Amino acid sequence: MERIKPVGYLKTTKTGKAHISELIRRETGTKAGEGIPFVMNAKTVLLYDPNLNLQELLASIDVLKQDVKLRTTQKEPEKSEQR
């Protein structure tokens, strides 16, 4: 099974609110209190800089795809014990 090492986690409170880290705000070019746009599908959410045009966003997704590949590690299969 492949595992992906994340950059970090968004943690939610019991009421469903989340803290957006300074790293995410810096990467998206937003300040505290501003909205961060996102797109999503059934299994993925992408936060992005609202100042990107379509071509810049697509190029950024290509870079992100490569980053995910680099963060992926193979989990070694369980070794069966011999008796």
C-alpha atoms as a PDB file:
ATOM      1  CA  MET A   1       0.000   0.000   0.000  1.00  0.00           C
ATOM      2  CA  GLU A   2       1.282   3.446  -0.868  1.00  0.00           C
ATOM      3  CA  ARG A   3       1.253   6.186   1.745  1.00  0.00           C
ATOM      4  CA  ILE A   4       1.588   9.916   1.130  1.00  0.00           C
ATOM      5  CA  LYS A   5       3.489  12.029   3.646  1.00  0.00           C
ATOM      6  CA  PRO A   6       1.382  15.190   4.080  1.00  0.00           C
ATOM      7  CA  VAL A   7       2.802  18.675   4.579  1.00  0.00           C
ATOM      8  CA  GLY A   8       0.404  19.085   7.501  1.00  0.00           C
ATOM      9  CA  TYR A   9      -3.159  18.647   8.656  1.00  0.00           C
ATOM     10  CA  LEU A  10      -6.195  20.884   9.000  1.00  0.00           C
ATOM     11  CA  LYS A  11      -7.662  20.050  12.376  1.00  0.00           C
ATOM     12  CA  THR A  12     -11.276  20.804  13.135  1.00  0.00           C
ATOM     13  CA  THR A  13     -12.940  21.576  16.423  1.00  0.00           C
ATOM     14  CA  LYS A  14     -16.029  19.791  17.716  1.00  0.00           C
ATOM     15  CA  THR A  15     -18.131  22.529  16.124  1.00  0.00           C
ATOM     16  CA  GLY A  16     -16.520  21.920  12.718  1.00  0.00           C
ATOM     17  CA  LYS A  17     -14.321  25.009  12.615  1.00  0.00           C
ATOM     18  CA  ALA A  18     -10.737  24.702  11.370  1.00  0.00           C
ATOM     19  CA  HIS A  19      -7.565  26.675  11.984  1.00  0.00           C
ATOM     20  CA  ILE A  20      -5.882  27.744   8.737  1.00  0.00           C
ATOM     21  CA  SER A  21      -2.152  27.851   9.357  1.00  0.00           C
ATOM     22  CA  GLU A  22       0.077  30.769   8.441  1.00  0.00           C
ATOM     23  CA  LEU A  23       1.803  28.520   5.900  1.00  0.00           C
ATOM     24  CA  ILE A  24      -1.457  28.018   3.968  1.00  0.00           C
ATOM     25  CA  ARG A  25      -2.340  31.713   4.117  1.00  0.00           C
ATOM     26  CA  ARG A  26       1.146  32.633   2.890  1.00  0.00           C
ATOM     27  CA  GLU A  27       1.048  30.100   0.026  1.00  0.00           C
ATOM     28  CA  THR A  28      -2.419  31.239  -1.071  1.00  0.00           C
ATOM     29  CA  GLY A  29      -1.553  34.919  -0.725  1.00  0.00           C
ATOM     30  CA  THR A  30      -4.421  35.597   1.701  1.00  0.00           C
ATOM     31  CA  LYS A  31      -4.572  37.347   5.050  1.00  0.00           C
ATOM     32  CA  ALA A  32      -6.404  36.347   8.214  1.00  0.00           C
ATOM     33  CA  GLY A  33     -10.126  36.954   7.743  1.00  0.00           C
ATOM     34  CA  GLU A  34      -9.994  36.737   3.942  1.00  0.00           C
ATOM     35  CA  GLY A  35     -11.567  33.884   2.040  1.00  0.00           C
ATOM     36  CA  ILE A  36      -9.433  31.170   0.456  1.00  0.00           C
ATOM     37  CA  PRO A  37     -11.029  29.783  -2.702  1.00  0.00           C
ATOM     38  CA  PHE A  38     -11.213  26.040  -3.206  1.00  0.00           C
ATOM     39  CA  VAL A  39     -12.395  23.447  -5.673  1.00  0.00           C
ATOM     40  CA  MET A  40     -13.265  19.890  -4.810  1.00  0.00           C
ATOM     41  CA  ASN A  41     -14.386  16.565  -6.112  1.00  0.00           C
ATOM     42  CA  ALA A  42     -15.481  13.419  -4.293  1.00  0.00           C
ATOM     43  CA  LYS A  43     -12.074  12.741  -2.732  1.00  0.00           C
ATOM     44  CA  THR A  44      -9.904  15.852  -3.009  1.00  0.00           C
ATOM     45  CA  VAL A  45     -10.012  19.507  -1.984  1.00  0.00           C
ATOM     46  CA  LEU A  46      -7.665  22.067  -3.534  1.00  0.00           C
ATOM     47  CA  LEU A  47      -7.086  25.439  -1.866  1.00  0.00           C
ATOM     48  CA  TYR A  48      -5.519  27.988  -4.197  1.00  0.00           C
ATOM     49  CA  ASP A  49      -4.300  31.574  -4.528  1.00  0.00           C
ATOM     50  CA  PRO A  50      -7.231  33.710  -5.749  1.00  0.00           C
ATOM     51  CA  ASN A  51      -4.846  35.726  -7.945  1.00  0.00           C
ATOM     52  CA  LEU A  52      -3.968  32.774 -10.215  1.00  0.00           C
ATOM     53  CA  ASN A  53      -5.346  32.592 -13.719  1.00  0.00           C
ATOM     54  CA  LEU A  54      -6.431  29.288 -15.253  1.00  0.00           C
ATOM     55  CA  GLN A  55      -3.058  28.488 -16.840  1.00  0.00           C
ATOM     56  CA  GLU A  56      -1.163  29.263 -13.623  1.00  0.00           C
ATOM     57  CA  LEU A  57      -3.537  27.095 -11.600  1.00  0.00           C
ATOM     58  CA  LEU A  58      -3.190  24.165 -14.013  1.00  0.00           C
ATOM     59  CA  ALA A  59       0.623  24.505 -13.996  1.00  0.00           C
ATOM     60  CA  SER A  60       0.535  24.565 -10.195  1.00  0.00           C
ATOM     61  CA  ILE A  61      -1.542  21.366 -10.190  1.00  0.00           C
ATOM     62  CA  ASP A  62       1.094  19.701 -12.389  1.00  0.00           C
ATOM     63  CA  VAL A  63       3.786  20.660  -9.867  1.00  0.00           C
ATOM     64  CA  LEU A  64       1.572  19.421  -7.036  1.00  0.00           C
ATOM     65  CA  LYS A  65       1.143  16.064  -8.799  1.00  0.00           C
ATOM     66  CA  GLN A  66       4.922  15.664  -8.920  1.00  0.00           C
ATOM     67  CA  ASP A  67       5.232  16.648  -5.252  1.00  0.00           C
ATOM     68  CA  VAL A  68       2.673  14.020  -4.250  1.00  0.00           C
ATOM     69  CA  LYS A  69       4.622  11.390  -6.191  1.00  0.00           C
ATOM     70  CA  LEU A  70       7.791  12.357  -4.302  1.00  0.00           C
ATOM     71  CA  ARG A  71       5.944  12.148  -0.970  1.00  0.00           C
ATOM     72  CA  THR A  72       4.623   8.674  -1.703  1.00  0.00           C
ATOM     73  CA  THR A  73       6.324   5.748  -0.017  1.00  0.00           C
ATOM     74  CA  GLN A  74       5.737   2.059  -0.373  1.00  0.00           C
ATOM     75  CA  LYS A  75       4.564   0.403   2.816  1.00  0.00           C
ATOM     76  CA  GLU A  76       6.346  -2.905   3.188  1.00  0.00           C
ATOM     77  CA  PRO A  77       4.054  -5.915   3.317  1.00  0.00           C
ATOM     78  CA  GLU A  78       3.682  -7.641   6.655  1.00  0.00           C
ATOM     79  CA  LYS A  79       6.125 -10.512   6.986  1.00  0.00           C
ATOM     80  CA  SER A  80       4.399 -13.698   8.004  1.00  0.00           C
ATOM     81  CA  GLU A  81       5.832 -15.309  11.068  1.00  0.00           C
ATOM     82  CA  GLN A  82       7.115 -18.830  10.689  1.00  0.00           C
ATOM     83  CA  ARG A  83       6.572 -21.326  13.511  1.00  0.00           C
END
